[in-house]
C-alpha cells in the first residue's frame, strides 16, 4: 500500500514538473519567421537554424522506427 502511494505521488509530481518545463506560447502564422532552435542529428552533431540562414531547408521529423502504427 505504501509503495502504491509513493508511486502515485511520484507520478503526479513528475507530470506536474514536466508540464511546466519548456512550455512556450509561440503561435506562428504562415509567412512568420521560424523561431531559433537547435537539434541533434543521427550522428549526435548539433545543428542550429541560424547556421542555415538564407538557405531553404526542410525539417523532417521521424519518430522512433519501432513505434506502432
C-alpha atoms as a PDB file:
ATOM      1  CA  UNK A   1       0.000   0.000   0.000  1.00  0.00           C
ATOM      2  CA  UNK A   2       2.812   2.388   0.891  1.00  0.00           C
ATOM      3  CA  UNK A   3       4.530   1.577  -2.416  1.00  0.00           C
ATOM      4  CA  UNK A   4       1.416   2.427  -4.433  1.00  0.00           C
ATOM      5  CA  UNK A   5       1.007   5.705  -2.549  1.00  0.00           C
ATOM      6  CA  UNK A   6       4.645   6.712  -3.166  1.00  0.00           C
ATOM      7  CA  UNK A   7       4.396   5.674  -6.821  1.00  0.00           C
ATOM      8  CA  UNK A   8       1.211   7.706  -7.307  1.00  0.00           C
ATOM      9  CA  UNK A   9       2.703  10.808  -5.677  1.00  0.00           C
ATOM     10  CA  UNK A  10       5.881  10.423  -7.753  1.00  0.00           C
ATOM     11  CA  UNK A  11       3.914  10.229 -10.993  1.00  0.00           C
ATOM     12  CA  UNK A  12       1.821  13.277 -10.079  1.00  0.00           C
ATOM     13  CA  UNK A  13       4.942  15.294  -9.231  1.00  0.00           C
ATOM     14  CA  UNK A  14       6.696  14.163 -12.421  1.00  0.00           C
ATOM     15  CA  UNK A  15       3.790  15.198 -14.640  1.00  0.00           C
ATOM     16  CA  UNK A  16       3.388  18.483 -12.780  1.00  0.00           C
ATOM     17  CA  UNK A  17       7.004  19.479 -13.367  1.00  0.00           C
ATOM     18  CA  UNK A  18       7.121  18.184 -16.933  1.00  0.00           C
ATOM     19  CA  UNK A  19       4.158  20.368 -17.870  1.00  0.00           C
ATOM     20  CA  UNK A  20       5.977  23.464 -16.598  1.00  0.00           C
ATOM     21  CA  UNK A  21       9.374  22.867 -18.206  1.00  0.00           C
ATOM     22  CA  UNK A  22       9.863  24.052 -21.764  1.00  0.00           C
ATOM     23  CA  UNK A  23       6.348  25.343 -22.180  1.00  0.00           C
ATOM     24  CA  UNK A  24       6.138  28.180 -24.674  1.00  0.00           C
ATOM     25  CA  UNK A  25       3.233  30.040 -26.182  1.00  0.00           C
ATOM     26  CA  UNK A  26       4.551  30.702 -29.656  1.00  0.00           C
ATOM     27  CA  UNK A  27       1.790  30.913 -32.200  1.00  0.00           C
ATOM     28  CA  UNK A  28       3.112  31.092 -35.755  1.00  0.00           C
ATOM     29  CA  UNK A  29       1.190  32.065 -38.843  1.00  0.00           C
ATOM     30  CA  UNK A  30       2.001  31.354 -42.464  1.00  0.00           C
ATOM     31  CA  UNK A  31       4.836  33.657 -43.501  1.00  0.00           C
ATOM     32  CA  UNK A  32       6.195  34.193 -39.973  1.00  0.00           C
ATOM     33  CA  UNK A  33       9.904  33.706 -39.369  1.00  0.00           C
ATOM     34  CA  UNK A  34      10.708  30.432 -37.617  1.00  0.00           C
ATOM     35  CA  UNK A  35      11.928  30.719 -34.031  1.00  0.00           C
ATOM     36  CA  UNK A  36      15.531  29.861 -33.250  1.00  0.00           C
ATOM     37  CA  UNK A  37      16.144  26.207 -32.373  1.00  0.00           C
ATOM     38  CA  UNK A  38      18.929  23.634 -32.179  1.00  0.00           C
ATOM     39  CA  UNK A  39      18.554  19.924 -32.976  1.00  0.00           C
ATOM     40  CA  UNK A  40      20.794  16.871 -32.763  1.00  0.00           C
ATOM     41  CA  UNK A  41      21.149  14.636 -35.831  1.00  0.00           C
ATOM     42  CA  UNK A  42      21.632  10.868 -36.011  1.00  0.00           C
ATOM     43  CA  UNK A  43      25.406  11.337 -35.615  1.00  0.00           C
ATOM     44  CA  UNK A  44      24.853  13.354 -32.409  1.00  0.00           C
ATOM     45  CA  UNK A  45      26.012  16.554 -34.130  1.00  0.00           C
ATOM     46  CA  UNK A  46      24.060  19.705 -33.249  1.00  0.00           C
ATOM     47  CA  UNK A  47      22.628  21.986 -35.943  1.00  0.00           C
ATOM     48  CA  UNK A  48      21.187  25.460 -35.354  1.00  0.00           C
ATOM     49  CA  UNK A  49      18.626  27.053 -37.613  1.00  0.00           C
ATOM     50  CA  UNK A  50      20.830  30.150 -37.754  1.00  0.00           C
ATOM     51  CA  UNK A  51      23.612  28.053 -39.381  1.00  0.00           C
ATOM     52  CA  UNK A  52      21.435  27.818 -42.487  1.00  0.00           C
ATOM     53  CA  UNK A  53      20.367  31.467 -42.709  1.00  0.00           C
ATOM     54  CA  UNK A  54      19.442  32.437 -46.274  1.00  0.00           C
ATOM     55  CA  UNK A  55      19.099  28.825 -47.403  1.00  0.00           C
ATOM     56  CA  UNK A  56      15.950  26.821 -47.935  1.00  0.00           C
ATOM     57  CA  UNK A  57      15.690  23.922 -45.510  1.00  0.00           C
ATOM     58  CA  UNK A  58      13.286  21.060 -44.954  1.00  0.00           C
ATOM     59  CA  UNK A  59      12.864  19.813 -41.413  1.00  0.00           C
ATOM     60  CA  UNK A  60      11.740  16.199 -41.434  1.00  0.00           C
ATOM     61  CA  UNK A  61      10.657  14.661 -38.135  1.00  0.00           C
ATOM     62  CA  UNK A  62      10.889  10.888 -37.985  1.00  0.00           C
ATOM     63  CA  UNK A  63       9.721   9.315 -34.718  1.00  0.00           C
ATOM     64  CA  UNK A  64      11.363   6.175 -33.452  1.00  0.00           C
ATOM     65  CA  UNK A  65      11.188   3.482 -36.099  1.00  0.00           C
ATOM     66  CA  UNK A  66       9.858   0.916 -33.656  1.00  0.00           C
ATOM     67  CA  UNK A  67       6.716   2.820 -32.708  1.00  0.00           C
ATOM     68  CA  UNK A  68       3.427   1.125 -33.511  1.00  0.00           C
ATOM     69  CA  UNK A  69       1.214   2.404 -36.250  1.00  0.00           C
END
